[in-house]
Amino acid sequence: MKKALLLIFFLWTFTGCKKTPKTVTKITAKTVEIDASLEEKEAYTALIAPYKSKMISEINTVISYAPKDINRQDGKLQSSLGNLLADLCVKRANAIFNKKTNQNIDFSMFNYDGIRAGISKGVVTNKNPFELMPFENSLVVVELSGKKIADLIDYFIRNNKAHPLSKNIELKIFQNDTYELRINSQKFDITKKYFVLTSDYLQSGGDGMNFFKNPISIFKTGYKMRHAIVDEFKSQDTLRTALDKRIQLN
């Protein structure tokens, strides 16, 4: 009798503990418009207030000064802002690249449409780099053949935009779209290889820059382009840039 009772007890225990699988039988959804009509929750507002205050303070911190308006539209096939960004990125990234490889970046190229805002005359704050470069793009160095450099220049001329090129470049463009190119004061040699700095987005063929794809080698700096901009702005009490002879139309 006791054995029978024990058997019944164990059977009841195991069957009672068995979990019945649950399945979703119905899903409902509701669209909530995020606008000024939503009622503000005081508890949530109080919770984020300290973080919001700190963020506003940091974003409005002055990091440099612009003696004039700096934008991407003040030149033909070059701009004061594009020149500034291309040059500072080479300066900042080359310190990393040279330390790791004992090589130097030959020049940089970025895209005109990647610059989303200018810098107005006056104080420059942490907000400015986020406005002009809102993307999370990283700096990469690609080793390109002379043939791909020729493709790069052909793209630049054909595209007819002020894509930022660093001051290592001296490009003379003639009326029939022929050109003379010097890189670091040396005449371009199509048999040579060159190290070009760009963004990971462009290296993957973004904006039609397919010449950056499948390079001989690629070096990832691990350095965000925007971080390079912030770091360089902080190191300069006044931002100096101008149109120069890197692009010459003849």
C-alpha atoms as a PDB file:
ATOM      1  CA  MET A   1       0.000   0.000   0.000  1.00  0.00           C
ATOM      2  CA  LYS A   2       2.841   2.376   0.921  1.00  0.00           C
ATOM      3  CA  LYS A   3       4.655   1.573  -2.333  1.00  0.00           C
ATOM      4  CA  ALA A   4       1.516   2.305  -4.305  1.00  0.00           C
ATOM      5  CA  LEU A   5       1.051   5.622  -2.503  1.00  0.00           C
ATOM      6  CA  LEU A   6       4.691   6.559  -3.144  1.00  0.00           C
ATOM      7  CA  LEU A   7       4.325   5.711  -6.832  1.00  0.00           C
ATOM      8  CA  ILE A   8       1.202   7.859  -7.095  1.00  0.00           C
ATOM      9  CA  PHE A   9       2.999  10.701  -5.261  1.00  0.00           C
ATOM     10  CA  PHE A  10       5.996  10.681  -7.628  1.00  0.00           C
ATOM     11  CA  LEU A  11       3.811  10.473 -10.709  1.00  0.00           C
ATOM     12  CA  TRP A  12       1.737  13.421  -9.465  1.00  0.00           C
ATOM     13  CA  THR A  13       4.877  15.421  -8.630  1.00  0.00           C
ATOM     14  CA  PHE A  14       6.551  14.984 -12.035  1.00  0.00           C
ATOM     15  CA  THR A  15       3.407  15.576 -14.026  1.00  0.00           C
ATOM     16  CA  GLY A  16       2.566  18.581 -11.873  1.00  0.00           C
ATOM     17  CA  CYS A  17       6.019  20.110 -12.431  1.00  0.00           C
ATOM     18  CA  LYS A  18       5.981  19.586 -16.166  1.00  0.00           C
ATOM     19  CA  LYS A  19       5.920  22.918 -18.026  1.00  0.00           C
ATOM     20  CA  THR A  20       3.402  23.295 -20.776  1.00  0.00           C
ATOM     21  CA  PRO A  21       4.969  24.984 -23.835  1.00  0.00           C
ATOM     22  CA  LYS A  22       3.552  28.425 -24.472  1.00  0.00           C
ATOM     23  CA  THR A  23       2.962  29.717 -27.956  1.00  0.00           C
ATOM     24  CA  VAL A  24       2.190  33.203 -29.215  1.00  0.00           C
ATOM     25  CA  THR A  25      -1.275  33.217 -30.718  1.00  0.00           C
ATOM     26  CA  LYS A  26      -1.772  36.920 -31.330  1.00  0.00           C
ATOM     27  CA  ILE A  27       0.378  40.031 -31.766  1.00  0.00           C
ATOM     28  CA  THR A  28      -1.009  43.543 -31.737  1.00  0.00           C
ATOM     29  CA  ALA A  29       0.799  46.805 -32.462  1.00  0.00           C
ATOM     30  CA  LYS A  30       0.021  50.470 -32.162  1.00  0.00           C
ATOM     31  CA  THR A  31       1.747  53.423 -33.807  1.00  0.00           C
ATOM     32  CA  VAL A  32       2.575  56.249 -31.396  1.00  0.00           C
ATOM     33  CA  GLU A  33       3.449  59.579 -32.978  1.00  0.00           C
ATOM     34  CA  ILE A  34       6.372  61.289 -31.232  1.00  0.00           C
ATOM     35  CA  ASP A  35       5.490  64.983 -31.224  1.00  0.00           C
ATOM     36  CA  ALA A  36       4.748  67.912 -28.922  1.00  0.00           C
ATOM     37  CA  SER A  37       1.269  66.572 -28.136  1.00  0.00           C
ATOM     38  CA  LEU A  38       2.713  63.770 -25.995  1.00  0.00           C
ATOM     39  CA  GLU A  39       2.366  64.422 -22.304  1.00  0.00           C
ATOM     40  CA  GLU A  40       5.697  64.935 -20.555  1.00  0.00           C
ATOM     41  CA  LYS A  41       6.412  62.529 -17.712  1.00  0.00           C
ATOM     42  CA  GLU A  42       7.912  64.479 -14.833  1.00  0.00           C
ATOM     43  CA  ALA A  43       9.638  61.405 -13.399  1.00  0.00           C
ATOM     44  CA  TYR A  44      11.419  60.717 -16.693  1.00  0.00           C
ATOM     45  CA  THR A  45      12.330  64.377 -17.130  1.00  0.00           C
ATOM     46  CA  ALA A  46      13.843  64.486 -13.653  1.00  0.00           C
ATOM     47  CA  LEU A  47      15.750  61.264 -14.323  1.00  0.00           C
ATOM     48  CA  ILE A  48      17.490  62.511 -17.470  1.00  0.00           C
ATOM     49  CA  ALA A  49      17.951  66.127 -16.323  1.00  0.00           C
ATOM     50  CA  PRO A  50      21.506  65.684 -14.905  1.00  0.00           C
ATOM     51  CA  TYR A  51      22.689  63.856 -18.034  1.00  0.00           C
ATOM     52  CA  LYS A  52      21.048  66.391 -20.335  1.00  0.00           C
ATOM     53  CA  SER A  53      22.680  69.263 -18.474  1.00  0.00           C
ATOM     54  CA  LYS A  54      26.121  67.633 -18.699  1.00  0.00           C
ATOM     55  CA  MET A  55      25.679  66.827 -22.395  1.00  0.00           C
ATOM     56  CA  ILE A  56      24.638  70.403 -23.231  1.00  0.00           C
ATOM     57  CA  SER A  57      27.604  71.731 -21.279  1.00  0.00           C
ATOM     58  CA  GLU A  58      30.046  69.466 -23.135  1.00  0.00           C
ATOM     59  CA  ILE A  59      28.583  70.076 -26.596  1.00  0.00           C
ATOM     60  CA  ASN A  60      28.812  73.853 -26.078  1.00  0.00           C
ATOM     61  CA  THR A  61      32.411  73.782 -24.819  1.00  0.00           C
ATOM     62  CA  VAL A  62      34.597  76.119 -26.901  1.00  0.00           C
ATOM     63  CA  ILE A  63      37.471  74.255 -28.583  1.00  0.00           C
ATOM     64  CA  SER A  64      38.768  76.772 -31.139  1.00  0.00           C
ATOM     65  CA  TYR A  65      38.016  79.966 -33.064  1.00  0.00           C
ATOM     66  CA  ALA A  66      37.229  80.621 -36.742  1.00  0.00           C
ATOM     67  CA  PRO A  67      38.433  84.044 -37.967  1.00  0.00           C
ATOM     68  CA  LYS A  68      36.099  83.776 -40.991  1.00  0.00           C
ATOM     69  CA  ASP A  69      33.315  81.614 -42.372  1.00  0.00           C
ATOM     70  CA  ILE A  70      34.708  78.253 -43.480  1.00  0.00           C
ATOM     71  CA  ASN A  71      32.572  76.269 -45.915  1.00  0.00           C
ATOM     72  CA  ARG A  72      32.626  73.832 -48.819  1.00  0.00           C
ATOM     73  CA  GLN A  73      31.315  76.242 -51.468  1.00  0.00           C
ATOM     74  CA  ASP A  74      33.897  79.033 -51.663  1.00  0.00           C
ATOM     75  CA  GLY A  75      36.055  77.650 -54.466  1.00  0.00           C
ATOM     76  CA  LYS A  76      36.113  75.733 -57.732  1.00  0.00           C
ATOM     77  CA  LEU A  77      37.066  72.065 -57.226  1.00  0.00           C
ATOM     78  CA  GLN A  78      38.434  72.930 -53.791  1.00  0.00           C
ATOM     79  CA  SER A  79      37.116  74.687 -50.699  1.00  0.00           C
ATOM     80  CA  SER A  80      38.451  76.191 -47.497  1.00  0.00           C
ATOM     81  CA  LEU A  81      36.608  73.599 -45.401  1.00  0.00           C
ATOM     82  CA  GLY A  82      37.557  70.668 -47.613  1.00  0.00           C
ATOM     83  CA  ASN A  83      41.210  71.722 -47.546  1.00  0.00           C
ATOM     84  CA  LEU A  84      41.121  72.047 -43.757  1.00  0.00           C
ATOM     85  CA  LEU A  85      39.593  68.598 -43.245  1.00  0.00           C
ATOM     86  CA  ALA A  86      41.787  66.788 -45.779  1.00  0.00           C
ATOM     87  CA  ASP A  87      44.970  68.274 -44.312  1.00  0.00           C
ATOM     88  CA  LEU A  88      44.166  67.714 -40.644  1.00  0.00           C
ATOM     89  CA  CYS A  89      43.148  64.102 -41.283  1.00  0.00           C
ATOM     90  CA  VAL A  90      46.509  63.398 -42.931  1.00  0.00           C
ATOM     91  CA  LYS A  91      48.311  65.028 -40.024  1.00  0.00           C
ATOM     92  CA  ARG A  92      46.424  63.053 -37.390  1.00  0.00           C
ATOM     93  CA  ALA A  93      46.274  59.689 -39.173  1.00  0.00           C
ATOM     94  CA  ASN A  94      49.877  59.744 -40.374  1.00  0.00           C
ATOM     95  CA  ALA A  95      51.114  59.800 -36.778  1.00  0.00           C
ATOM     96  CA  ILE A  96      49.383  56.431 -36.276  1.00  0.00           C
ATOM     97  CA  PHE A  97      50.266  55.007 -39.696  1.00  0.00           C
ATOM     98  CA  ASN A  98      53.955  55.934 -39.502  1.00  0.00           C
ATOM     99  CA  LYS A  99      54.346  54.538 -35.999  1.00  0.00           C
ATOM    100  CA  LYS A 100      52.896  51.171 -37.049  1.00  0.00           C
ATOM    101  CA  THR A 101      54.384  50.817 -40.550  1.00  0.00           C
ATOM    102  CA  ASN A 102      57.318  53.240 -40.782  1.00  0.00           C
ATOM    103  CA  GLN A 103      55.635  54.549 -43.957  1.00  0.00           C
ATOM    104  CA  ASN A 104      53.955  57.886 -44.684  1.00  0.00           C
ATOM    105  CA  ILE A 105      50.598  58.766 -46.180  1.00  0.00           C
ATOM    106  CA  ASP A 106      51.035  60.300 -49.640  1.00  0.00           C
ATOM    107  CA  PHE A 107      47.745  62.232 -49.691  1.00  0.00           C
ATOM    108  CA  SER A 108      44.095  62.063 -48.685  1.00  0.00           C
ATOM    109  CA  MET A 109      40.814  62.182 -50.556  1.00  0.00           C
ATOM    110  CA  PHE A 110      37.290  62.425 -49.167  1.00  0.00           C
ATOM    111  CA  ASN A 111      33.907  63.259 -50.681  1.00  0.00           C
ATOM    112  CA  TYR A 112      32.199  66.610 -51.069  1.00  0.00           C
ATOM    113  CA  ASP A 113      28.783  65.330 -49.977  1.00  0.00           C
ATOM    114  CA  GLY A 114      30.215  63.921 -46.755  1.00  0.00           C
ATOM    115  CA  ILE A 115      30.590  67.463 -45.420  1.00  0.00           C
ATOM    116  CA  ARG A 116      27.161  68.367 -44.052  1.00  0.00           C
ATOM    117  CA  ALA A 117      27.697  71.846 -42.564  1.00  0.00           C
ATOM    118  CA  GLY A 118      30.095  74.756 -42.550  1.00  0.00           C
ATOM    119  CA  ILE A 119      31.758  76.641 -39.711  1.00  0.00           C
ATOM    120  CA  SER A 120      30.608  80.196 -39.046  1.00  0.00           C
ATOM    121  CA  LYS A 121      32.988  82.949 -38.023  1.00  0.00           C
ATOM    122  CA  GLY A 122      33.418  83.029 -34.258  1.00  0.00           C
ATOM    123  CA  VAL A 123      33.875  80.476 -31.510  1.00  0.00           C
ATOM    124  CA  VAL A 124      34.013  76.809 -32.494  1.00  0.00           C
ATOM    125  CA  THR A 125      32.465  74.335 -30.055  1.00  0.00           C
ATOM    126  CA  ASN A 126      32.263  70.558 -29.758  1.00  0.00           C
ATOM    127  CA  LYS A 127      28.963  70.854 -31.609  1.00  0.00           C
ATOM    128  CA  ASN A 128      30.583  71.926 -34.888  1.00  0.00           C
ATOM    129  CA  PRO A 129      32.394  68.656 -35.722  1.00  0.00           C
ATOM    130  CA  PHE A 130      29.155  66.718 -35.124  1.00  0.00           C
ATOM    131  CA  GLU A 131      27.291  69.046 -37.492  1.00  0.00           C
ATOM    132  CA  LEU A 132      29.822  68.943 -40.311  1.00  0.00           C
ATOM    133  CA  MET A 133      30.612  65.230 -39.924  1.00  0.00           C
ATOM    134  CA  PRO A 134      27.585  63.399 -38.426  1.00  0.00           C
ATOM    135  CA  PHE A 135      28.715  59.967 -39.631  1.00  0.00           C
ATOM    136  CA  GLU A 136      30.655  57.295 -37.733  1.00  0.00           C
ATOM    137  CA  ASN A 137      33.264  56.934 -40.475  1.00  0.00           C
ATOM    138  CA  SER A 138      36.761  55.714 -39.626  1.00  0.00           C
ATOM    139  CA  LEU A 139      40.021  56.670 -41.336  1.00  0.00           C
ATOM    140  CA  VAL A 140      41.762  54.000 -43.403  1.00  0.00           C
ATOM    141  CA  VAL A 141      44.944  54.025 -45.489  1.00  0.00           C
ATOM    142  CA  VAL A 142      44.847  52.150 -48.789  1.00  0.00           C
ATOM    143  CA  GLU A 143      47.849  51.261 -50.914  1.00  0.00           C
ATOM    144  CA  LEU A 144      46.940  51.919 -54.547  1.00  0.00           C
ATOM    145  CA  SER A 145      48.663  51.245 -57.847  1.00  0.00           C
ATOM    146  CA  GLY A 146      49.523  54.127 -60.142  1.00  0.00           C
ATOM    147  CA  LYS A 147      46.715  52.966 -62.438  1.00  0.00           C
ATOM    148  CA  LYS A 148      44.181  53.386 -59.636  1.00  0.00           C
ATOM    149  CA  ILE A 149      45.571  56.836 -58.826  1.00  0.00           C
ATOM    150  CA  ALA A 150      44.936  57.740 -62.480  1.00  0.00           C
ATOM    151  CA  ASP A 151      41.375  56.421 -62.079  1.00  0.00           C
ATOM    152  CA  LEU A 152      41.016  58.566 -58.939  1.00  0.00           C
ATOM    153  CA  ILE A 153      42.068  61.720 -60.792  1.00  0.00           C
ATOM    154  CA  ASP A 154      39.824  60.895 -63.765  1.00  0.00           C
ATOM    155  CA  TYR A 155      36.910  60.517 -61.338  1.00  0.00           C
ATOM    156  CA  PHE A 156      37.747  63.821 -59.649  1.00  0.00           C
ATOM    157  CA  ILE A 157      37.812  65.719 -62.954  1.00  0.00           C
ATOM    158  CA  ARG A 158      34.728  63.990 -64.385  1.00  0.00           C
ATOM    159  CA  ASN A 159      32.690  64.379 -61.193  1.00  0.00           C
ATOM    160  CA  ASN A 160      33.375  68.127 -61.134  1.00  0.00           C
ATOM    161  CA  LYS A 161      32.925  68.531 -57.373  1.00  0.00           C
ATOM    162  CA  ALA A 162      35.191  69.952 -54.684  1.00  0.00           C
ATOM    163  CA  HIS A 163      36.068  66.568 -53.213  1.00  0.00           C
ATOM    164  CA  PRO A 164      38.610  67.301 -50.456  1.00  0.00           C
ATOM    165  CA  LEU A 165      42.203  66.556 -51.481  1.00  0.00           C
ATOM    166  CA  SER A 166      45.115  67.222 -49.133  1.00  0.00           C
ATOM    167  CA  LYS A 167      47.884  69.721 -49.830  1.00  0.00           C
ATOM    168  CA  ASN A 168      50.246  66.888 -50.814  1.00  0.00           C
ATOM    169  CA  ILE A 169      48.509  67.088 -54.192  1.00  0.00           C
ATOM    170  CA  GLU A 170      49.227  69.621 -56.943  1.00  0.00           C
ATOM    171  CA  LEU A 171      46.826  69.044 -59.811  1.00  0.00           C
ATOM    172  CA  LYS A 172      46.756  71.220 -62.939  1.00  0.00           C
ATOM    173  CA  ILE A 173      43.677  70.610 -65.073  1.00  0.00           C
ATOM    174  CA  PHE A 174      43.573  71.796 -68.676  1.00  0.00           C
ATOM    175  CA  GLN A 175      40.558  72.610 -70.858  1.00  0.00           C
ATOM    176  CA  ASN A 176      40.574  69.259 -72.665  1.00  0.00           C
ATOM    177  CA  ASP A 177      40.528  67.452 -69.274  1.00  0.00           C
ATOM    178  CA  THR A 178      44.176  66.451 -69.534  1.00  0.00           C
ATOM    179  CA  TYR A 179      46.204  67.142 -66.426  1.00  0.00           C
ATOM    180  CA  GLU A 180      49.568  67.353 -64.729  1.00  0.00           C
ATOM    181  CA  LEU A 181      49.860  65.772 -61.308  1.00  0.00           C
ATOM    182  CA  ARG A 182      52.472  66.063 -58.594  1.00  0.00           C
ATOM    183  CA  ILE A 183      52.340  64.180 -55.315  1.00  0.00           C
ATOM    184  CA  ASN A 184      54.564  65.508 -52.537  1.00  0.00           C
ATOM    185  CA  SER A 185      56.316  67.708 -55.118  1.00  0.00           C
ATOM    186  CA  GLN A 186      57.199  64.660 -57.239  1.00  0.00           C
ATOM    187  CA  LYS A 187      55.797  64.069 -60.715  1.00  0.00           C
ATOM    188  CA  PHE A 188      53.160  61.355 -60.668  1.00  0.00           C
ATOM    189  CA  ASP A 189      54.588  57.979 -61.700  1.00  0.00           C
ATOM    190  CA  ILE A 190      52.013  55.454 -62.882  1.00  0.00           C
ATOM    191  CA  THR A 191      54.439  52.598 -62.149  1.00  0.00           C
ATOM    192  CA  LYS A 192      54.633  53.491 -58.451  1.00  0.00           C
ATOM    193  CA  LYS A 193      52.356  52.652 -55.525  1.00  0.00           C
ATOM    194  CA  TYR A 194      50.847  55.298 -53.250  1.00  0.00           C
ATOM    195  CA  PHE A 195      49.336  55.353 -49.764  1.00  0.00           C
ATOM    196  CA  VAL A 196      46.036  57.244 -49.778  1.00  0.00           C
ATOM    197  CA  LEU A 197      43.996  58.195 -46.713  1.00  0.00           C
ATOM    198  CA  THR A 198      40.211  58.034 -46.965  1.00  0.00           C
ATOM    199  CA  SER A 199      37.174  56.869 -44.977  1.00  0.00           C
ATOM    200  CA  ASP A 200      35.983  53.290 -44.595  1.00  0.00           C
ATOM    201  CA  TYR A 201      32.749  54.292 -46.350  1.00  0.00           C
ATOM    202  CA  LEU A 202      34.552  55.533 -49.455  1.00  0.00           C
ATOM    203  CA  GLN A 203      36.983  52.607 -49.382  1.00  0.00           C
ATOM    204  CA  SER A 204      34.023  50.268 -49.830  1.00  0.00           C
ATOM    205  CA  GLY A 205      33.060  52.126 -53.023  1.00  0.00           C
ATOM    206  CA  GLY A 206      30.790  54.764 -51.512  1.00  0.00           C
ATOM    207  CA  ASP A 207      29.895  57.740 -53.723  1.00  0.00           C
ATOM    208  CA  GLY A 208      31.052  55.744 -56.732  1.00  0.00           C
ATOM    209  CA  MET A 209      34.714  55.796 -55.662  1.00  0.00           C
ATOM    210  CA  ASN A 210      35.331  52.237 -56.815  1.00  0.00           C
ATOM    211  CA  PHE A 211      39.061  52.852 -57.293  1.00  0.00           C
ATOM    212  CA  PHE A 212      39.404  52.501 -53.507  1.00  0.00           C
ATOM    213  CA  LYS A 213      38.048  48.937 -53.590  1.00  0.00           C
ATOM    214  CA  ASN A 214      40.388  45.922 -53.646  1.00  0.00           C
ATOM    215  CA  PRO A 215      43.566  47.856 -52.782  1.00  0.00           C
ATOM    216  CA  ILE A 216      47.030  46.308 -52.647  1.00  0.00           C
ATOM    217  CA  SER A 217      46.831  46.661 -48.878  1.00  0.00           C
ATOM    218  CA  ILE A 218      44.657  48.393 -46.310  1.00  0.00           C
ATOM    219  CA  PHE A 219      45.538  49.808 -42.900  1.00  0.00           C
ATOM    220  CA  LYS A 220      42.717  50.496 -40.459  1.00  0.00           C
ATOM    221  CA  THR A 221      43.690  53.312 -38.109  1.00  0.00           C
ATOM    222  CA  GLY A 222      40.822  52.709 -35.671  1.00  0.00           C
ATOM    223  CA  TYR A 223      40.436  56.502 -35.626  1.00  0.00           C
ATOM    224  CA  LYS A 224      37.060  58.094 -36.307  1.00  0.00           C
ATOM    225  CA  MET A 225      37.235  60.969 -38.763  1.00  0.00           C
ATOM    226  CA  ARG A 226      35.156  63.143 -36.441  1.00  0.00           C
ATOM    227  CA  HIS A 227      37.480  62.388 -33.526  1.00  0.00           C
ATOM    228  CA  ALA A 228      40.436  63.509 -35.643  1.00  0.00           C
ATOM    229  CA  ILE A 229      38.598  66.759 -36.362  1.00  0.00           C
ATOM    230  CA  VAL A 230      37.833  67.366 -32.681  1.00  0.00           C
ATOM    231  CA  ASP A 231      41.401  66.568 -31.623  1.00  0.00           C
ATOM    232  CA  GLU A 232      42.917  68.908 -34.202  1.00  0.00           C
ATOM    233  CA  PHE A 233      40.474  71.728 -33.465  1.00  0.00           C
ATOM    234  CA  LYS A 234      41.340  71.472 -29.771  1.00  0.00           C
ATOM    235  CA  SER A 235      45.035  71.747 -30.594  1.00  0.00           C
ATOM    236  CA  GLN A 236      44.557  74.975 -32.594  1.00  0.00           C
ATOM    237  CA  ASP A 237      43.347  78.126 -30.866  1.00  0.00           C
ATOM    238  CA  THR A 238      42.540  79.562 -34.319  1.00  0.00           C
ATOM    239  CA  LEU A 239      41.555  77.606 -37.435  1.00  0.00           C
ATOM    240  CA  ARG A 240      43.653  78.616 -40.444  1.00  0.00           C
ATOM    241  CA  THR A 241      42.716  77.517 -43.943  1.00  0.00           C
ATOM    242  CA  ALA A 242      42.537  78.944 -47.451  1.00  0.00           C
ATOM    243  CA  LEU A 243      42.224  78.101 -51.124  1.00  0.00           C
ATOM    244  CA  ASP A 244      45.650  77.356 -52.601  1.00  0.00           C
ATOM    245  CA  LYS A 245      47.439  75.821 -55.586  1.00  0.00           C
ATOM    246  CA  ARG A 246      46.549  72.197 -54.906  1.00  0.00           C
ATOM    247  CA  ILE A 247      43.941  72.460 -57.687  1.00  0.00           C
ATOM    248  CA  GLN A 248      44.715  74.739 -60.643  1.00  0.00           C
ATOM    249  CA  LEU A 249      42.385  75.252 -63.596  1.00  0.00           C
ATOM    250  CA  ASN A 250      44.160  76.269 -66.812  1.00  0.00           C
END
